C-alpha atoms as a PDB file:
ATOM      1  CA  UNK A   1      10.845  23.238 -14.350  1.00  0.00           C
ATOM      2  CA  UNK A   2       9.783  19.873 -12.938  1.00  0.00           C
ATOM      3  CA  UNK A   3      10.017  16.645 -14.917  1.00  0.00           C
ATOM      4  CA  UNK A   4       6.193  16.625 -15.194  1.00  0.00           C
ATOM      5  CA  UNK A   5       6.108  20.215 -16.486  1.00  0.00           C
ATOM      6  CA  UNK A   6       8.864  19.409 -18.979  1.00  0.00           C
ATOM      7  CA  UNK A   7       6.861  16.401 -20.187  1.00  0.00           C
ATOM      8  CA  UNK A   8       3.695  18.408 -20.814  1.00  0.00           C
ATOM      9  CA  UNK A   9       5.659  21.241 -22.458  1.00  0.00           C
ATOM     10  CA  UNK A  10       7.298  18.789 -24.855  1.00  0.00           C
ATOM     11  CA  UNK A  11       3.976  17.127 -25.665  1.00  0.00           C
ATOM     12  CA  UNK A  12       2.309  20.482 -26.306  1.00  0.00           C
ATOM     13  CA  UNK A  13       5.113  21.417 -28.675  1.00  0.00           C
ATOM     14  CA  UNK A  14       4.543  18.141 -30.510  1.00  0.00           C
ATOM     15  CA  UNK A  15       0.760  18.601 -30.554  1.00  0.00           C
ATOM     16  CA  UNK A  16       0.265  15.392 -28.600  1.00  0.00           C
ATOM     17  CA  UNK A  17      -1.629  14.348 -25.478  1.00  0.00           C
ATOM     18  CA  UNK A  18      -0.179  12.477 -22.505  1.00  0.00           C
ATOM     19  CA  UNK A  19      -0.923   8.808 -21.877  1.00  0.00           C
ATOM     20  CA  UNK A  20      -0.759   8.133 -18.137  1.00  0.00           C
ATOM     21  CA  UNK A  21      -1.118   4.469 -17.084  1.00  0.00           C
ATOM     22  CA  UNK A  22      -1.775   3.471 -13.480  1.00  0.00           C
ATOM     23  CA  UNK A  23      -0.646   0.217 -11.909  1.00  0.00           C
ATOM     24  CA  UNK A  24      -0.542  -0.838  -8.287  1.00  0.00           C
ATOM     25  CA  UNK A  25       3.056  -1.342  -7.171  1.00  0.00           C
ATOM     26  CA  UNK A  26       3.729  -4.933  -6.170  1.00  0.00           C
ATOM     27  CA  UNK A  27       0.795  -6.377  -8.136  1.00  0.00           C
ATOM     28  CA  UNK A  28       0.698  -9.347  -8.599  1.00  0.00           C
ATOM     29  CA  UNK A  29       4.176  -9.613  -7.076  1.00  0.00           C
ATOM     30  CA  UNK A  30       6.984  -7.106  -6.405  1.00  0.00           C
ATOM     31  CA  UNK A  31       9.253  -8.544  -9.120  1.00  0.00           C
ATOM     32  CA  UNK A  32       6.845  -7.555 -11.904  1.00  0.00           C
ATOM     33  CA  UNK A  33       6.570  -3.832 -11.199  1.00  0.00           C
ATOM     34  CA  UNK A  34       9.850  -2.352 -12.486  1.00  0.00           C
ATOM     35  CA  UNK A  35       9.954  -4.398 -15.732  1.00  0.00           C
ATOM     36  CA  UNK A  36       6.316  -3.425 -16.263  1.00  0.00           C
ATOM     37  CA  UNK A  37       7.130   0.266 -15.770  1.00  0.00           C
ATOM     38  CA  UNK A  38       9.776   0.055 -18.494  1.00  0.00           C
ATOM     39  CA  UNK A  39       7.396  -1.863 -20.779  1.00  0.00           C
ATOM     40  CA  UNK A  40       4.734   0.818 -20.376  1.00  0.00           C
ATOM     41  CA  UNK A  41       7.195   3.545 -21.354  1.00  0.00           C
ATOM     42  CA  UNK A  42       8.265   1.508 -24.390  1.00  0.00           C
ATOM     43  CA  UNK A  43       4.589   1.177 -25.364  1.00  0.00           C
ATOM     44  CA  UNK A  44       4.055   4.946 -25.354  1.00  0.00           C
ATOM     45  CA  UNK A  45       3.343   6.009 -21.778  1.00  0.00           C
ATOM     46  CA  UNK A  46       4.393   9.573 -20.969  1.00  0.00           C
ATOM     47  CA  UNK A  47       3.886   9.665 -17.184  1.00  0.00           C
ATOM     48  CA  UNK A  48       3.586   6.666 -14.849  1.00  0.00           C
ATOM     49  CA  UNK A  49       1.160   6.527 -11.928  1.00  0.00           C
ATOM     50  CA  UNK A  50       2.353   4.052  -9.349  1.00  0.00           C
ATOM     51  CA  UNK A  51      -0.255   3.096  -6.801  1.00  0.00           C
ATOM     52  CA  UNK A  52       0.864   2.633  -3.214  1.00  0.00           C
ATOM     53  CA  UNK A  53      -1.079  -0.410  -1.947  1.00  0.00           C
ATOM     54  CA  UNK A  54      -3.420   0.356   0.929  1.00  0.00           C
ATOM     55  CA  UNK A  55      -5.779  -1.825   2.946  1.00  0.00           C
ATOM     56  CA  UNK A  56      -8.816   0.489   2.602  1.00  0.00           C
ATOM     57  CA  UNK A  57      -8.715   2.028  -0.906  1.00  0.00           C
ATOM     58  CA  UNK A  58     -12.077   3.782  -0.598  1.00  0.00           C
ATOM     59  CA  UNK A  59     -11.966   5.573  -3.970  1.00  0.00           C
ATOM     60  CA  UNK A  60     -11.204   2.412  -5.876  1.00  0.00           C
ATOM     61  CA  UNK A  61     -13.538  -0.210  -7.271  1.00  0.00           C
ATOM     62  CA  UNK A  62     -13.150  -3.975  -6.854  1.00  0.00           C
ATOM     63  CA  UNK A  63     -10.505  -4.338  -9.585  1.00  0.00           C
ATOM     64  CA  UNK A  64      -7.967  -2.054  -7.920  1.00  0.00           C
ATOM     65  CA  UNK A  65      -9.046  -3.169  -4.436  1.00  0.00           C
ATOM     66  CA  UNK A  66      -8.004  -6.704  -5.382  1.00  0.00           C
ATOM     67  CA  UNK A  67      -4.727  -5.372  -6.779  1.00  0.00           C
ATOM     68  CA  UNK A  68      -4.008  -3.728  -3.421  1.00  0.00           C
ATOM     69  CA  UNK A  69      -4.817  -6.994  -1.666  1.00  0.00           C
ATOM     70  CA  UNK A  70      -2.403  -8.920  -3.912  1.00  0.00           C
ATOM     71  CA  UNK A  71       0.350  -6.345  -3.403  1.00  0.00           C
ATOM     72  CA  UNK A  72      -0.112  -6.263   0.366  1.00  0.00           C
ATOM     73  CA  UNK A  73      -0.143 -10.063   0.495  1.00  0.00           C
ATOM     74  CA  UNK A  74       3.240  -9.923  -1.218  1.00  0.00           C
ATOM     75  CA  UNK A  75       4.506  -7.582   1.478  1.00  0.00           C
ATOM     76  CA  UNK A  76       4.747  -4.386  -0.581  1.00  0.00           C
ATOM     77  CA  UNK A  77       5.155  -1.315   1.643  1.00  0.00           C
ATOM     78  CA  UNK A  78       5.602   2.382   0.909  1.00  0.00           C
ATOM     79  CA  UNK A  79       9.345   1.892   1.411  1.00  0.00           C
ATOM     80  CA  UNK A  80       9.301  -0.899  -1.174  1.00  0.00           C
ATOM     81  CA  UNK A  81       7.483   1.364  -3.637  1.00  0.00           C
ATOM     82  CA  UNK A  82      10.158   4.047  -3.242  1.00  0.00           C
ATOM     83  CA  UNK A  83      12.827   1.388  -3.828  1.00  0.00           C
ATOM     84  CA  UNK A  84      11.030   0.346  -7.035  1.00  0.00           C
ATOM     85  CA  UNK A  85      11.171   3.935  -8.276  1.00  0.00           C
ATOM     86  CA  UNK A  86      14.897   4.077  -7.493  1.00  0.00           C
ATOM     87  CA  UNK A  87      15.438   0.866  -9.483  1.00  0.00           C
ATOM     88  CA  UNK A  88      13.394   2.273 -12.380  1.00  0.00           C
ATOM     89  CA  UNK A  89      15.545   5.420 -12.368  1.00  0.00           C
ATOM     90  CA  UNK A  90      18.674   3.334 -12.976  1.00  0.00           C
ATOM     91  CA  UNK A  91      17.529   2.993 -16.605  1.00  0.00           C
ATOM     92  CA  UNK A  92      15.082   5.867 -17.056  1.00  0.00           C
ATOM     93  CA  UNK A  93      15.880   9.411 -15.961  1.00  0.00           C
ATOM     94  CA  UNK A  94      13.226  11.080 -18.105  1.00  0.00           C
ATOM     95  CA  UNK A  95       9.773   9.586 -17.522  1.00  0.00           C
ATOM     96  CA  UNK A  96       7.888  11.271 -14.657  1.00  0.00           C
ATOM     97  CA  UNK A  97       6.597   9.012 -11.886  1.00  0.00           C
ATOM     98  CA  UNK A  98       3.626   9.989  -9.707  1.00  0.00           C
ATOM     99  CA  UNK A  99       2.793   8.107  -6.519  1.00  0.00           C
ATOM    100  CA  UNK A 100      -0.979   7.737  -6.072  1.00  0.00           C
ATOM    101  CA  UNK A 101      -2.537   6.442  -2.909  1.00  0.00           C
ATOM    102  CA  UNK A 102      -3.856   7.243   0.520  1.00  0.00           C
ATOM    103  CA  UNK A 103      -2.573   9.394   3.335  1.00  0.00           C
ATOM    104  CA  UNK A 104      -2.133   6.813   6.099  1.00  0.00           C
ATOM    105  CA  UNK A 105       1.169   5.225   4.914  1.00  0.00           C
ATOM    106  CA  UNK A 106       2.640   8.715   4.404  1.00  0.00           C
ATOM    107  CA  UNK A 107       1.517   9.848   7.855  1.00  0.00           C
ATOM    108  CA  UNK A 108       3.169   6.797   9.401  1.00  0.00           C
ATOM    109  CA  UNK A 109       6.450   7.566   7.630  1.00  0.00           C
ATOM    110  CA  UNK A 110       6.147  11.296   8.381  1.00  0.00           C
ATOM    111  CA  UNK A 111       5.592  14.064   5.836  1.00  0.00           C
ATOM    112  CA  UNK A 112       9.156  15.390   5.841  1.00  0.00           C
ATOM    113  CA  UNK A 113      10.776  11.963   5.735  1.00  0.00           C
ATOM    114  CA  UNK A 114       8.442  10.806   2.983  1.00  0.00           C
ATOM    115  CA  UNK A 115       9.014  13.878   0.811  1.00  0.00           C
ATOM    116  CA  UNK A 116      12.791  13.704   1.229  1.00  0.00           C
ATOM    117  CA  UNK A 117      12.965   9.995   0.431  1.00  0.00           C
ATOM    118  CA  UNK A 118      10.519  10.255  -2.478  1.00  0.00           C
ATOM    119  CA  UNK A 119      12.505  13.051  -4.103  1.00  0.00           C
ATOM    120  CA  UNK A 120      15.798  11.243  -3.481  1.00  0.00           C
ATOM    121  CA  UNK A 121      14.520   8.056  -5.167  1.00  0.00           C
ATOM    122  CA  UNK A 122      13.224   9.869  -8.251  1.00  0.00           C
ATOM    123  CA  UNK A 123       9.523  10.446  -7.571  1.00  0.00           C
ATOM    124  CA  UNK A 124       8.103  13.520  -9.335  1.00  0.00           C
ATOM    125  CA  UNK A 125       4.599  13.962  -7.968  1.00  0.00           C
ATOM    126  CA  UNK A 126       2.285  12.868  -5.163  1.00  0.00           C
ATOM    127  CA  UNK A 127      -1.496  12.344  -5.253  1.00  0.00           C
ATOM    128  CA  UNK A 128      -3.239  11.389  -2.027  1.00  0.00           C
ATOM    129  CA  UNK A 129      -6.854  10.501  -2.696  1.00  0.00           C
ATOM    130  CA  UNK A 130      -8.180  11.107   0.806  1.00  0.00           C
ATOM    131  CA  UNK A 131      -6.495  14.373   1.776  1.00  0.00           C
ATOM    132  CA  UNK A 132      -8.902  17.351   1.747  1.00  0.00           C
ATOM    133  CA  UNK A 133      -7.383  20.707   0.754  1.00  0.00           C
ATOM    134  CA  UNK A 134      -8.243  22.150   4.167  1.00  0.00           C
ATOM    135  CA  UNK A 135      -5.738  19.736   5.746  1.00  0.00           C
ATOM    136  CA  UNK A 136      -3.204  19.605   2.934  1.00  0.00           C
ATOM    137  CA  UNK A 137      -0.822  22.404   3.838  1.00  0.00           C
ATOM    138  CA  UNK A 138       1.763  20.383   5.847  1.00  0.00           C
ATOM    139  CA  UNK A 139       2.192  17.756   3.121  1.00  0.00           C
ATOM    140  CA  UNK A 140       1.998  20.357   0.360  1.00  0.00           C
ATOM    141  CA  UNK A 141       4.796  22.335   2.012  1.00  0.00           C
ATOM    142  CA  UNK A 142       6.930  19.223   2.565  1.00  0.00           C
ATOM    143  CA  UNK A 143       6.537  18.233  -1.091  1.00  0.00           C
ATOM    144  CA  UNK A 144       7.150  21.766  -2.311  1.00  0.00           C
ATOM    145  CA  UNK A 145      10.418  21.962  -0.368  1.00  0.00           C
ATOM    146  CA  UNK A 146      11.620  18.814  -2.158  1.00  0.00           C
ATOM    147  CA  UNK A 147      10.454  19.878  -5.626  1.00  0.00           C
ATOM    148  CA  UNK A 148       7.633  17.314  -5.771  1.00  0.00           C
ATOM    149  CA  UNK A 149       4.481  18.239  -7.673  1.00  0.00           C
ATOM    150  CA  UNK A 150       1.222  18.164  -5.702  1.00  0.00           C
ATOM    151  CA  UNK A 151      -1.580  16.647  -7.751  1.00  0.00           C
ATOM    152  CA  UNK A 152      -5.196  16.894  -6.626  1.00  0.00           C
ATOM    153  CA  UNK A 153      -8.449  15.342  -7.735  1.00  0.00           C
ATOM    154  CA  UNK A 154     -11.473  17.273  -8.941  1.00  0.00           C
ATOM    155  CA  UNK A 155     -14.848  15.566  -9.291  1.00  0.00           C
ATOM    156  CA  UNK A 156     -18.092  16.179 -11.221  1.00  0.00           C
ATOM    157  CA  UNK A 157     -19.535  17.489  -7.951  1.00  0.00           C
ATOM    158  CA  UNK A 158     -16.739  20.044  -7.360  1.00  0.00           C
ATOM    159  CA  UNK A 159     -18.097  23.578  -7.134  1.00  0.00           C
ATOM    160  CA  UNK A 160     -16.322  26.518  -8.810  1.00  0.00           C
ATOM    161  CA  UNK A 161     -15.148  27.632  -5.364  1.00  0.00           C
ATOM    162  CA  UNK A 162     -13.719  24.173  -4.691  1.00  0.00           C
ATOM    163  CA  UNK A 163     -12.002  24.144  -8.077  1.00  0.00           C
ATOM    164  CA  UNK A 164     -10.388  27.492  -7.298  1.00  0.00           C
ATOM    165  CA  UNK A 165      -9.188  26.262  -3.907  1.00  0.00           C
ATOM    166  CA  UNK A 166      -7.766  22.977  -5.190  1.00  0.00           C
ATOM    167  CA  UNK A 167      -6.155  24.450  -8.294  1.00  0.00           C
ATOM    168  CA  UNK A 168      -4.344  26.994  -6.109  1.00  0.00           C
ATOM    169  CA  UNK A 169      -2.689  24.154  -4.146  1.00  0.00           C
ATOM    170  CA  UNK A 170      -1.753  21.935  -7.065  1.00  0.00           C
ATOM    171  CA  UNK A 171       1.137  21.739  -9.484  1.00  0.00           C
ATOM    172  CA  UNK A 172       2.155  19.432 -12.316  1.00  0.00           C
ATOM    173  CA  UNK A 173      -1.371  18.756 -13.517  1.00  0.00           C
ATOM    174  CA  UNK A 174      -4.953  18.551 -12.276  1.00  0.00           C
ATOM    175  CA  UNK A 175      -6.656  15.156 -12.258  1.00  0.00           C
ATOM    176  CA  UNK A 176     -10.367  15.242 -13.149  1.00  0.00           C
ATOM    177  CA  UNK A 177     -12.362  12.226 -11.995  1.00  0.00           C
ATOM    178  CA  UNK A 178     -14.762  11.740 -14.885  1.00  0.00           C
ATOM    179  CA  UNK A 179     -17.338   9.636 -13.048  1.00  0.00           C
ATOM    180  CA  UNK A 180     -19.298   9.795  -9.819  1.00  0.00           C
ATOM    181  CA  UNK A 181     -18.245   6.676  -7.933  1.00  0.00           C
ATOM    182  CA  UNK A 182     -15.179   4.497  -7.713  1.00  0.00           C
ATOM    183  CA  UNK A 183     -12.539   3.587 -10.284  1.00  0.00           C
ATOM    184  CA  UNK A 184     -13.651   1.330 -13.099  1.00  0.00           C
ATOM    185  CA  UNK A 185     -17.355   2.103 -12.683  1.00  0.00           C
ATOM    186  CA  UNK A 186     -19.875   2.936 -15.398  1.00  0.00           C
ATOM    187  CA  UNK A 187     -19.200   4.476 -18.807  1.00  0.00           C
ATOM    188  CA  UNK A 188     -18.121   8.088 -19.157  1.00  0.00           C
ATOM    189  CA  UNK A 189     -20.128  10.816 -20.897  1.00  0.00           C
ATOM    190  CA  UNK A 190     -17.487  12.583 -22.989  1.00  0.00           C
ATOM    191  CA  UNK A 191     -19.614  15.680 -23.623  1.00  0.00           C
ATOM    192  CA  UNK A 192     -20.234  16.120 -19.899  1.00  0.00           C
ATOM    193  CA  UNK A 193     -16.542  15.564 -19.151  1.00  0.00           C
ATOM    194  CA  UNK A 194     -15.628  18.161 -21.756  1.00  0.00           C
ATOM    195  CA  UNK A 195     -17.863  20.749 -20.091  1.00  0.00           C
ATOM    196  CA  UNK A 196     -16.209  20.144 -16.721  1.00  0.00           C
ATOM    197  CA  UNK A 197     -12.699  20.247 -18.198  1.00  0.00           C
ATOM    198  CA  UNK A 198     -13.537  23.596 -19.797  1.00  0.00           C
ATOM    199  CA  UNK A 199     -14.735  24.849 -16.406  1.00  0.00           C
ATOM    200  CA  UNK A 200     -11.513  23.675 -14.718  1.00  0.00           C
ATOM    201  CA  UNK A 201      -9.414  25.495 -17.317  1.00  0.00           C
ATOM    202  CA  UNK A 202     -10.991  28.785 -16.170  1.00  0.00           C
ATOM    203  CA  UNK A 203      -9.338  28.260 -12.788  1.00  0.00           C
ATOM    204  CA  UNK A 204      -5.849  27.062 -13.694  1.00  0.00           C
ATOM    205  CA  UNK A 205      -3.236  27.081 -16.457  1.00  0.00           C
ATOM    206  CA  UNK A 206      -2.149  23.583 -15.378  1.00  0.00           C
ATOM    207  CA  UNK A 207      -2.708  20.680 -17.769  1.00  0.00           C
ATOM    208  CA  UNK A 208      -5.877  18.681 -17.059  1.00  0.00           C
ATOM    209  CA  UNK A 209      -5.806  14.887 -16.977  1.00  0.00           C
ATOM    210  CA  UNK A 210      -8.974  12.777 -17.078  1.00  0.00           C
ATOM    211  CA  UNK A 211      -9.350   9.312 -15.573  1.00  0.00           C
ATOM    212  CA  UNK A 212     -11.826   6.860 -13.964  1.00  0.00           C
ATOM    213  CA  UNK A 213     -13.562   5.561 -17.101  1.00  0.00           C
ATOM    214  CA  UNK A 214     -11.000   4.880 -19.809  1.00  0.00           C
ATOM    215  CA  UNK A 215     -11.600   1.295 -20.869  1.00  0.00           C
ATOM    216  CA  UNK A 216     -10.024   0.935 -24.313  1.00  0.00           C
ATOM    217  CA  UNK A 217      -8.475   2.699 -27.297  1.00  0.00           C
ATOM    218  CA  UNK A 218     -11.825   4.206 -28.349  1.00  0.00           C
ATOM    219  CA  UNK A 219     -12.535   5.855 -24.995  1.00  0.00           C
ATOM    220  CA  UNK A 220      -8.895   6.973 -24.726  1.00  0.00           C
ATOM    221  CA  UNK A 221      -9.083   8.729 -28.085  1.00  0.00           C
ATOM    222  CA  UNK A 222     -12.347  10.475 -27.160  1.00  0.00           C
ATOM    223  CA  UNK A 223     -10.895  11.806 -23.915  1.00  0.00           C
ATOM    224  CA  UNK A 224      -7.756  12.952 -25.729  1.00  0.00           C
ATOM    225  CA  UNK A 225      -9.887  15.395 -27.727  1.00  0.00           C
ATOM    226  CA  UNK A 226     -10.860  17.303 -24.580  1.00  0.00           C
ATOM    227  CA  UNK A 227      -8.039  16.761 -22.052  1.00  0.00           C
ATOM    228  CA  UNK A 228      -4.260  17.145 -21.880  1.00  0.00           C
ATOM    229  CA  UNK A 229      -3.745  13.688 -20.409  1.00  0.00           C
ATOM    230  CA  UNK A 230      -5.587  10.370 -20.549  1.00  0.00           C
ATOM    231  CA  UNK A 231      -5.278   8.368 -17.323  1.00  0.00           C
ATOM    232  CA  UNK A 232      -6.033   4.649 -17.552  1.00  0.00           C
ATOM    233  CA  UNK A 233      -6.017   2.318 -14.562  1.00  0.00           C
ATOM    234  CA  UNK A 234      -8.688  -0.327 -14.034  1.00  0.00           C
ATOM    235  CA  UNK A 235      -8.475  -1.672 -17.608  1.00  0.00           C
ATOM    236  CA  UNK A 236      -4.758  -2.349 -17.117  1.00  0.00           C
ATOM    237  CA  UNK A 237      -5.112  -3.733 -13.610  1.00  0.00           C
ATOM    238  CA  UNK A 238      -7.876  -6.102 -14.764  1.00  0.00           C
ATOM    239  CA  UNK A 239      -5.538  -7.490 -17.435  1.00  0.00           C
ATOM    240  CA  UNK A 240      -2.841  -7.915 -14.771  1.00  0.00           C
ATOM    241  CA  UNK A 241      -5.333  -9.873 -12.658  1.00  0.00           C
ATOM    242  CA  UNK A 242      -6.112 -12.134 -15.618  1.00  0.00           C
ATOM    243  CA  UNK A 243      -2.370 -12.809 -16.024  1.00  0.00           C
ATOM    244  CA  UNK A 244      -1.460 -13.207 -12.361  1.00  0.00           C
ATOM    245  CA  UNK A 245      -0.676 -16.913 -12.820  1.00  0.00           C
ATOM    246  CA  UNK A 246       1.765 -16.123 -15.653  1.00  0.00           C
ATOM    247  CA  UNK A 247       3.383 -12.871 -14.455  1.00  0.00           C
ATOM    248  CA  UNK A 248       6.172 -13.100 -17.025  1.00  0.00           C
ATOM    249  CA  UNK A 249       3.551 -12.284 -19.691  1.00  0.00           C
ATOM    250  CA  UNK A 250       2.259  -9.132 -17.988  1.00  0.00           C
ATOM    251  CA  UNK A 251       4.692  -6.560 -19.501  1.00  0.00           C
ATOM    252  CA  UNK A 252       3.835  -7.655 -23.047  1.00  0.00           C
ATOM    253  CA  UNK A 253       0.083  -7.902 -22.341  1.00  0.00           C
ATOM    254  CA  UNK A 254      -0.066  -4.424 -20.822  1.00  0.00           C
ATOM    255  CA  UNK A 255       2.247  -3.060 -23.505  1.00  0.00           C
ATOM    256  CA  UNK A 256      -0.147  -4.261 -26.197  1.00  0.00           C
ATOM    257  CA  UNK A 257      -3.084  -2.513 -24.522  1.00  0.00           C
ATOM    258  CA  UNK A 258      -1.157   0.738 -24.170  1.00  0.00           C
ATOM    259  CA  UNK A 259       0.184   0.691 -27.718  1.00  0.00           C
ATOM    260  CA  UNK A 260      -3.391   0.518 -29.038  1.00  0.00           C
ATOM    261  CA  UNK A 261      -4.390   3.459 -26.828  1.00  0.00           C
ATOM    262  CA  UNK A 262      -1.283   5.405 -27.848  1.00  0.00           C
ATOM    263  CA  UNK A 263      -2.066   4.954 -31.534  1.00  0.00           C
ATOM    264  CA  UNK A 264      -5.703   5.964 -31.033  1.00  0.00           C
ATOM    265  CA  UNK A 265      -4.752   9.048 -29.019  1.00  0.00           C
ATOM    266  CA  UNK A 266      -2.171  10.160 -31.567  1.00  0.00           C
ATOM    267  CA  UNK A 267      -4.662   9.609 -34.404  1.00  0.00           C
ATOM    268  CA  UNK A 268      -7.503  11.658 -32.947  1.00  0.00           C
ATOM    269  CA  UNK A 269      -6.300  13.418 -29.823  1.00  0.00           C
ATOM    270  CA  UNK A 270      -3.858  15.918 -31.301  1.00  0.00           C
ATOM    271  CA  UNK A 271      -4.749  19.552 -30.939  1.00  0.00           C
END
């Protein structure tokens, strides 16, 4: 059983939902990322999504686009992100880490090399935003050989046939994008999201995570009533941007945000 599967199994046994924060690795500088990862776990995060900075993050809104720009300006590469995971693993062997990003840096490194190095450094799952399932087999196979979970996105526009196809390729969990558009846009319709999550569950036994619209503790608790995992990104990255001139304060600032979400999820999100 993978570290992600073990995490969801433990949470289900406890009657709790997963809190999955996203940050862009290297934002606002590379020295912040590992301490921030530990702070997020201490604040109640169950799985960490670590964004690999990319120059053309087409699925992301301006908040995460700026985070990628800051990380790239600081020189953060895919190799640096893997090194950050290895450093994180020196103190934490339990919390799953998912790399989220775009295909180009992985293609440059090579699928086999990437999968081997990711697994060796302690990565648990890989989500590439811009890889269609029709072209996914080589990377899926490379990840599968190294025991890495393959996490795919489903959108409000995904047809039942598309859901079936994507769910068959995935492992770990399925990530439902709750909004049409980019990260951080608009306000989610929880009833509509719930209908789509129910539809996804007809196609897979995998846990379903929901992201792209979680702004605060209230929205996190609402999503926790319908999903297995609450994914929050832009709200955290925006706070990081506000603190970029005092990076030493970022772990505590983000920890405070996550603790409020954790408490709200545990209060209302339990099955």
